[in-house]
Amino acid sequence: MHIIKNAAAGTLESSDIYVEVAPGQELVLELTSVVMQQFGECIRKTMMAVIERMGVHHAHIRAHDRGALDCVIQARLETALRRAGKDS
């Protein structure tokens, strides 16, 4: 999948995550979270699994987590990527 435009999904409400996707020269994942110390690495692994499954190699992804569950993280990221991308 090629990222061709900016897109976003989610909200900044409690128990949600706001994901922004933009075209990039390399894969960059920026993550901020209210539970970063406890779950930051798990959130990052969940996001990387979605990114790899969708075949994204060049994108700038920014995520602002407010305590979202894994299923919400996966859904928001996939939605943002689909909005921003074009299947190759």
Protein backbone atom coordinates (compact mmCIF):
# COMPACT_ATOMS: atom_id res chain seq x y z
CA MET A 1 0.00 0.00 0.00
CA HIS A 2 1.28 3.45 -0.92
CA ILE A 3 0.34 6.44 1.23
CA ILE A 4 -0.63 9.21 -1.19
CA LYS A 5 -2.37 11.81 1.00
CA ASN A 6 -2.94 12.92 4.58
CA ALA A 7 -5.73 11.24 6.54
CA ALA A 8 -6.89 10.72 10.11
CA ALA A 9 -9.19 8.55 12.19
CA GLY A 10 -10.37 8.53 15.78
CA THR A 11 -10.91 11.14 18.47
CA LEU A 12 -9.13 12.51 21.51
CA GLU A 13 -11.89 11.24 23.80
CA SER A 14 -11.08 8.93 26.70
CA SER A 15 -10.59 5.28 25.66
CA ASP A 16 -9.92 6.23 22.02
CA ILE A 17 -6.90 6.98 19.85
CA TYR A 18 -6.41 9.68 17.21
CA VAL A 19 -4.23 8.54 14.30
CA GLU A 20 -2.81 10.84 11.62
CA VAL A 21 -1.15 9.43 8.50
CA ALA A 22 0.91 11.34 5.93
CA PRO A 23 3.18 10.37 3.03
CA GLY A 24 6.84 9.92 3.99
CA GLN A 25 10.23 8.86 2.72
CA GLU A 26 10.52 6.18 5.39
CA LEU A 27 8.32 4.61 8.03
CA VAL A 28 8.04 6.87 11.08
CA LEU A 29 5.74 6.04 13.99
CA GLU A 30 5.28 8.72 16.66
CA LEU A 31 3.25 7.65 19.67
CA THR A 32 2.03 9.59 22.69
CA SER A 33 -0.16 7.95 25.29
CA VAL A 34 -1.59 8.57 28.74
CA VAL A 35 -0.52 5.00 29.55
CA MET A 36 2.88 5.12 27.83
CA GLN A 37 4.85 3.76 30.79
CA GLN A 38 2.58 0.76 31.28
CA PHE A 39 1.53 -0.10 27.72
CA GLY A 40 3.63 1.94 25.28
CA GLU A 41 5.54 -1.04 23.90
CA CYS A 42 2.37 -3.13 23.50
CA ILE A 43 0.63 -0.28 21.66
CA ARG A 44 3.63 0.11 19.35
CA LYS A 45 3.70 -3.66 18.62
CA THR A 46 -0.03 -3.65 17.86
CA MET A 47 0.39 -0.73 15.47
CA MET A 48 3.42 -2.26 13.74
CA ALA A 49 1.48 -5.50 13.17
CA VAL A 50 -1.26 -3.56 11.35
CA ILE A 51 1.30 -1.57 9.35
CA GLU A 52 3.10 -4.75 8.26
CA ARG A 53 -0.16 -6.58 7.46
CA MET A 54 -1.25 -3.72 5.21
CA GLY A 55 2.13 -3.55 3.47
CA VAL A 56 2.96 0.06 4.34
CA HIS A 57 6.67 0.90 4.04
CA HIS A 58 6.77 4.69 3.66
CA ALA A 59 4.57 6.82 5.91
CA HIS A 60 4.64 9.27 8.76
CA ILE A 61 2.18 8.06 11.39
CA ARG A 62 1.32 10.06 14.49
CA ALA A 63 -0.88 8.52 17.20
CA HIS A 64 -2.29 10.19 20.32
CA ASP A 65 -3.65 7.45 22.60
CA ARG A 66 -6.12 8.06 25.42
CA GLY A 67 -6.27 4.49 26.74
CA ALA A 68 -7.75 2.67 23.74
CA LEU A 69 -8.11 -1.10 23.65
CA ASP A 70 -6.11 -3.08 21.07
CA CYS A 71 -9.15 -3.62 18.84
CA VAL A 72 -9.78 0.14 18.75
CA ILE A 73 -6.11 0.86 17.99
CA GLN A 74 -6.18 -1.62 15.11
CA ALA A 75 -9.44 -0.27 13.68
CA ARG A 76 -8.42 3.40 13.88
CA LEU A 77 -5.02 2.78 12.31
CA GLU A 78 -6.43 0.63 9.51
CA THR A 79 -9.09 3.25 8.77
CA ALA A 80 -6.53 6.07 8.61
CA LEU A 81 -4.23 4.02 6.37
CA ARG A 82 -7.07 3.08 4.00
CA ARG A 83 -8.16 6.73 3.79
CA ALA A 84 -4.59 7.85 3.02
CA GLY A 85 -3.46 5.04 0.78
CA LYS A 86 -3.76 3.33 -2.53
CA ASP A 87 -3.33 -0.41 -2.91
CA SER A 88 -0.32 -1.31 -5.02
